[in-house]
């Protein structure tokens, strides 16, 4: 029983560590995305819509 509880604690700690790292990477990535990428993505979408509208 004790070994099972120990395994669960290790698993929980590992899962917490992994989730923390994922969140750190997401925060870093979203900051970069919001600074540069959305402007270019929006411009492409607007250009596509204008092209479709003019056709």
PDB file of N, CA and C in Angstrom:
ATOM      1  N   UNK A   1       0.831  -1.203   0.000  1.00  0.00           N
ATOM      2  CA  UNK A   1       0.000   0.000   0.000  1.00  0.00           C
ATOM      3  C   UNK A   1       0.870   1.260   0.000  1.00  0.00           C
ATOM      4  N   UNK A   2       1.934   1.212   0.796  1.00  0.00           N
ATOM      5  CA  UNK A   2       2.810   2.380   0.875  1.00  0.00           C
ATOM      6  C   UNK A   2       3.516   2.629  -0.453  1.00  0.00           C
ATOM      7  N   UNK A   3       3.895   1.557  -1.142  1.00  0.00           N
ATOM      8  CA  UNK A   3       4.580   1.748  -2.422  1.00  0.00           C
ATOM      9  C   UNK A   3       3.626   2.332  -3.461  1.00  0.00           C
ATOM     10  N   UNK A   4       2.359   1.927  -3.397  1.00  0.00           N
ATOM     11  CA  UNK A   4       1.360   2.468  -4.326  1.00  0.00           C
ATOM     12  C   UNK A   4       1.173   3.968  -4.079  1.00  0.00           C
ATOM     13  N   UNK A   5       1.111   4.343  -2.807  1.00  0.00           N
ATOM     14  CA  UNK A   5       0.959   5.758  -2.467  1.00  0.00           C
ATOM     15  C   UNK A   5       2.201   6.543  -2.893  1.00  0.00           C
ATOM     16  N   UNK A   6       3.363   5.944  -2.735  1.00  0.00           N
ATOM     17  CA  UNK A   6       4.603   6.593  -3.152  1.00  0.00           C
ATOM     18  C   UNK A   6       4.622   6.793  -4.662  1.00  0.00           C
ATOM     19  N   UNK A   7       4.174   5.785  -5.414  1.00  0.00           N
ATOM     20  CA  UNK A   7       4.096   5.909  -6.869  1.00  0.00           C
ATOM     21  C   UNK A   7       3.155   7.036  -7.274  1.00  0.00           C
ATOM     22  N   UNK A   8       2.028   7.137  -6.601  1.00  0.00           N
ATOM     23  CA  UNK A   8       1.054   8.186  -6.918  1.00  0.00           C
ATOM     24  C   UNK A   8       1.627   9.568  -6.623  1.00  0.00           C
ATOM     25  N   UNK A   9       2.370   9.690  -5.527  1.00  0.00           N
ATOM     26  CA  UNK A   9       2.975  10.979  -5.195  1.00  0.00           C
ATOM     27  C   UNK A   9       4.024  11.372  -6.228  1.00  0.00           C
ATOM     28  N   UNK A  10       4.820  10.388  -6.666  1.00  0.00           N
ATOM     29  CA  UNK A  10       5.832  10.662  -7.684  1.00  0.00           C
ATOM     30  C   UNK A  10       5.158  11.068  -8.988  1.00  0.00           C
ATOM     31  N   UNK A  11       4.101  10.347  -9.361  1.00  0.00           N
ATOM     32  CA  UNK A  11       3.370  10.657 -10.591  1.00  0.00           C
ATOM     33  C   UNK A  11       2.764  12.058 -10.518  1.00  0.00           C
ATOM     34  N   UNK A  12       2.173  12.390  -9.379  1.00  0.00           N
ATOM     35  CA  UNK A  12       1.559  13.709  -9.220  1.00  0.00           C
ATOM     36  C   UNK A  12       2.612  14.818  -9.313  1.00  0.00           C
ATOM     37  N   UNK A  13       3.761  14.593  -8.703  1.00  0.00           N
ATOM     38  CA  UNK A  13       4.828  15.595  -8.758  1.00  0.00           C
ATOM     39  C   UNK A  13       5.341  15.764 -10.188  1.00  0.00           C
ATOM     40  N   UNK A  14       5.490  14.646 -10.898  1.00  0.00           N
ATOM     41  CA  UNK A  14       5.958  14.715 -12.285  1.00  0.00           C
ATOM     42  C   UNK A  14       4.937  15.432 -13.163  1.00  0.00           C
ATOM     43  N   UNK A  15       3.657  15.112 -12.986  1.00  0.00           N
ATOM     44  CA  UNK A  15       2.607  15.754 -13.781  1.00  0.00           C
ATOM     45  C   UNK A  15       2.572  17.258 -13.508  1.00  0.00           C
ATOM     46  N   UNK A  16       2.724  17.639 -12.250  1.00  0.00           N
ATOM     47  CA  UNK A  16       2.728  19.052 -11.895  1.00  0.00           C
ATOM     48  C   UNK A  16       3.902  19.770 -12.557  1.00  0.00           C
ATOM     49  N   UNK A  17       5.072  19.137 -12.526  1.00  0.00           N
ATOM     50  CA  UNK A  17       6.261  19.727 -13.140  1.00  0.00           C
ATOM     51  C   UNK A  17       6.069  19.904 -14.640  1.00  0.00           C
ATOM     52  N   UNK A  18       5.535  18.880 -15.295  1.00  0.00           N
ATOM     53  CA  UNK A  18       5.311  18.948 -16.739  1.00  0.00           C
ATOM     54  C   UNK A  18       4.313  20.055 -17.072  1.00  0.00           C
ATOM     55  N   UNK A  19       3.215  20.127 -16.336  1.00  0.00           N
ATOM     56  CA  UNK A  19       2.209  21.159 -16.602  1.00  0.00           C
ATOM     57  C   UNK A  19       2.781  22.557 -16.376  1.00  0.00           C
ATOM     58  N   UNK A  20       3.600  22.716 -15.359  1.00  0.00           N
ATOM     59  CA  UNK A  20       4.227  24.010 -15.098  1.00  0.00           C
ATOM     60  C   UNK A  20       5.115  24.423 -16.265  1.00  0.00           C
ATOM     61  N   UNK A  21       5.901  23.480 -16.779  1.00  0.00           N
ATOM     62  CA  UNK A  21       6.770  23.785 -17.923  1.00  0.00           C
ATOM     63  C   UNK A  21       5.953  24.132 -19.163  1.00  0.00           C
ATOM     64  N   UNK A  22       4.860  23.402 -19.391  1.00  0.00           N
ATOM     65  CA  UNK A  22       4.006  23.686 -20.547  1.00  0.00           C
ATOM     66  C   UNK A  22       3.430  25.096 -20.441  1.00  0.00           C
ATOM     67  N   UNK A  23       2.966  25.454 -19.252  1.00  0.00           N
ATOM     68  CA  UNK A  23       2.402  26.795 -19.066  1.00  0.00           C
ATOM     69  C   UNK A  23       3.462  27.875 -19.260  1.00  0.00           C
ATOM     70  N   UNK A  24       4.677  27.626 -18.792  1.00  0.00           N
ATOM     71  CA  UNK A  24       5.754  28.600 -18.995  1.00  0.00           C
ATOM     72  C   UNK A  24       6.005  28.803 -20.482  1.00  0.00           C
ATOM     73  N   UNK A  25       6.062  27.700 -21.231  1.00  0.00           N
ATOM     74  CA  UNK A  25       6.316  27.798 -22.667  1.00  0.00           C
ATOM     75  C   UNK A  25       5.162  28.484 -23.378  1.00  0.00           C
ATOM     76  N   UNK A  26       3.929  28.201 -22.961  1.00  0.00           N
ATOM     77  CA  UNK A  26       2.773  28.845 -23.590  1.00  0.00           C
ATOM     78  C   UNK A  26       2.808  30.348 -23.350  1.00  0.00           C
ATOM     79  N   UNK A  27       3.125  30.751 -22.131  1.00  0.00           N
ATOM     80  CA  UNK A  27       3.187  32.184 -21.834  1.00  0.00           C
ATOM     81  C   UNK A  27       4.256  32.852 -22.683  1.00  0.00           C
ATOM     82  N   UNK A  28       5.412  32.215 -22.794  1.00  0.00           N
ATOM     83  CA  UNK A  28       6.495  32.775 -23.595  1.00  0.00           C
ATOM     84  C   UNK A  28       6.073  32.866 -25.052  1.00  0.00           C
ATOM     85  N   UNK A  29       5.451  31.808 -25.543  1.00  0.00           N
ATOM     86  CA  UNK A  29       5.057  31.779 -26.948  1.00  0.00           C
ATOM     87  C   UNK A  29       3.980  32.820 -27.233  1.00  0.00           C
ATOM     88  N   UNK A  30       3.003  32.960 -26.350  1.00  0.00           N
ATOM     89  CA  UNK A  30       1.931  33.906 -26.622  1.00  0.00           C
ATOM     90  C   UNK A  30       2.445  35.342 -26.596  1.00  0.00           C
ATOM     91  N   UNK A  31       3.408  35.633 -25.739  1.00  0.00           N
ATOM     92  CA  UNK A  31       3.961  36.985 -25.731  1.00  0.00           C
ATOM     93  C   UNK A  31       4.626  37.289 -27.064  1.00  0.00           C
ATOM     94  N   UNK A  32       5.368  36.342 -27.594  1.00  0.00           N
ATOM     95  CA  UNK A  32       6.025  36.538 -28.888  1.00  0.00           C
ATOM     96  C   UNK A  32       4.976  36.665 -29.977  1.00  0.00           C
ATOM     97  N   UNK A  33       3.964  35.792 -29.956  1.00  0.00           N
ATOM     98  CA  UNK A  33       2.917  35.817 -30.975  1.00  0.00           C
ATOM     99  C   UNK A  33       2.184  37.153 -30.976  1.00  0.00           C
ATOM    100  N   UNK A  34       1.835  37.652 -29.806  1.00  0.00           N
ATOM    101  CA  UNK A  34       1.068  38.892 -29.753  1.00  0.00           C
ATOM    102  C   UNK A  34       1.892  40.093 -30.180  1.00  0.00           C
ATOM    103  N   UNK A  35       3.209  40.015 -30.078  1.00  0.00           N
ATOM    104  CA  UNK A  35       4.039  41.152 -30.470  1.00  0.00           C
ATOM    105  C   UNK A  35       4.207  41.253 -31.977  1.00  0.00           C
ATOM    106  N   UNK A  36       4.350  40.112 -32.664  1.00  0.00           N
ATOM    107  CA  UNK A  36       4.670  40.200 -34.087  1.00  0.00           C
ATOM    108  C   UNK A  36       3.699  39.449 -34.989  1.00  0.00           C
ATOM    109  N   UNK A  37       3.367  38.226 -34.653  1.00  0.00           N
ATOM    110  CA  UNK A  37       2.640  37.369 -35.586  1.00  0.00           C
ATOM    111  C   UNK A  37       1.218  37.831 -35.903  1.00  0.00           C
ATOM    112  N   UNK A  38       0.401  38.235 -34.933  1.00  0.00           N
ATOM    113  CA  UNK A  38      -0.986  38.562 -35.279  1.00  0.00           C
ATOM    114  C   UNK A  38      -1.120  39.667 -36.315  1.00  0.00           C
ATOM    115  N   UNK A  39      -0.209  40.632 -36.310  1.00  0.00           N
ATOM    116  CA  UNK A  39      -0.293  41.705 -37.304  1.00  0.00           C
ATOM    117  C   UNK A  39      -0.178  41.132 -38.706  1.00  0.00           C
ATOM    118  N   UNK A  40       0.793  40.265 -38.914  1.00  0.00           N
ATOM    119  CA  UNK A  40       0.971  39.693 -40.244  1.00  0.00           C
ATOM    120  C   UNK A  40      -0.177  38.761 -40.586  1.00  0.00           C
ATOM    121  N   UNK A  41      -0.653  37.989 -39.614  1.00  0.00           N
ATOM    122  CA  UNK A  41      -1.770  37.084 -39.879  1.00  0.00           C
ATOM    123  C   UNK A  41      -3.019  37.878 -40.240  1.00  0.00           C
ATOM    124  N   UNK A  42      -3.267  38.931 -39.503  1.00  0.00           N
ATOM    125  CA  UNK A  42      -4.448  39.758 -39.780  1.00  0.00           C
ATOM    126  C   UNK A  42      -4.336  40.415 -41.146  1.00  0.00           C
ATOM    127  N   UNK A  43      -3.162  40.875 -41.496  1.00  0.00           N
ATOM    128  CA  UNK A  43      -2.985  41.513 -42.799  1.00  0.00           C
ATOM    129  C   UNK A  43      -3.281  40.535 -43.923  1.00  0.00           C
ATOM    130  N   UNK A  44      -2.835  39.294 -43.776  1.00  0.00           N
ATOM    131  CA  UNK A  44      -3.115  38.292 -44.806  1.00  0.00           C
ATOM    132  C   UNK A  44      -4.606  38.014 -44.903  1.00  0.00           C
ATOM    133  N   UNK A  45      -5.274  37.935 -43.765  1.00  0.00           N
ATOM    134  CA  UNK A  45      -6.718  37.678 -43.769  1.00  0.00           C
ATOM    135  C   UNK A  45      -7.454  38.835 -44.431  1.00  0.00           C
ATOM    136  N   UNK A  46      -7.075  40.057 -44.082  1.00  0.00           N
ATOM    137  CA  UNK A  46      -7.723  41.234 -44.668  1.00  0.00           C
ATOM    138  C   UNK A  46      -7.485  41.282 -46.173  1.00  0.00           C
ATOM    139  N   UNK A  47      -6.271  40.992 -46.604  1.00  0.00           N
ATOM    140  CA  UNK A  47      -5.977  40.982 -48.040  1.00  0.00           C
ATOM    141  C   UNK A  47      -6.800  39.917 -48.756  1.00  0.00           C
ATOM    142  N   UNK A  48      -6.923  38.742 -48.149  1.00  0.00           N
ATOM    143  CA  UNK A  48      -7.731  37.677 -48.759  1.00  0.00           C
ATOM    144  C   UNK A  48      -9.190  38.096 -48.873  1.00  0.00           C
ATOM    145  N   UNK A  49      -9.709  38.728 -47.827  1.00  0.00           N
ATOM    146  CA  UNK A  49     -11.105  39.168 -47.860  1.00  0.00           C
ATOM    147  C   UNK A  49     -11.312  40.244 -48.922  1.00  0.00           C
ATOM    148  N   UNK A  50     -10.375  41.173 -49.033  1.00  0.00           N
ATOM    149  CA  UNK A  50     -10.484  42.218 -50.055  1.00  0.00           C
ATOM    150  C   UNK A  50     -10.434  41.617 -51.451  1.00  0.00           C
ATOM    151  N   UNK A  51      -9.575  40.623 -51.644  1.00  0.00           N
ATOM    152  CA  UNK A  51      -9.464  39.974 -52.945  1.00  0.00           C
ATOM    153  C   UNK A  51     -10.768  39.255 -53.288  1.00  0.00           C
ATOM    154  N   UNK A  52     -11.347  38.555 -52.307  1.00  0.00           N
ATOM    155  CA  UNK A  52     -12.611  37.849 -52.541  1.00  0.00           C
ATOM    156  C   UNK A  52     -13.730  38.840 -52.826  1.00  0.00           C
ATOM    157  N   UNK A  53     -13.714  39.974 -52.124  1.00  0.00           N
ATOM    158  CA  UNK A  53     -14.754  40.981 -52.304  1.00  0.00           C
ATOM    159  C   UNK A  53     -14.663  41.612 -53.692  1.00  0.00           C
ATOM    160  N   UNK A  54     -13.448  41.832 -54.175  1.00  0.00           N
ATOM    161  CA  UNK A  54     -13.280  42.465 -55.482  1.00  0.00           C
ATOM    162  C   UNK A  54     -13.545  41.500 -56.639  1.00  0.00           C
ATOM    163  N   UNK A  55     -13.476  40.215 -56.381  1.00  0.00           N
ATOM    164  CA  UNK A  55     -13.695  39.224 -57.453  1.00  0.00           C
ATOM    165  C   UNK A  55     -15.146  39.045 -57.800  1.00  0.00           C
TER     166      UNK A  55
END
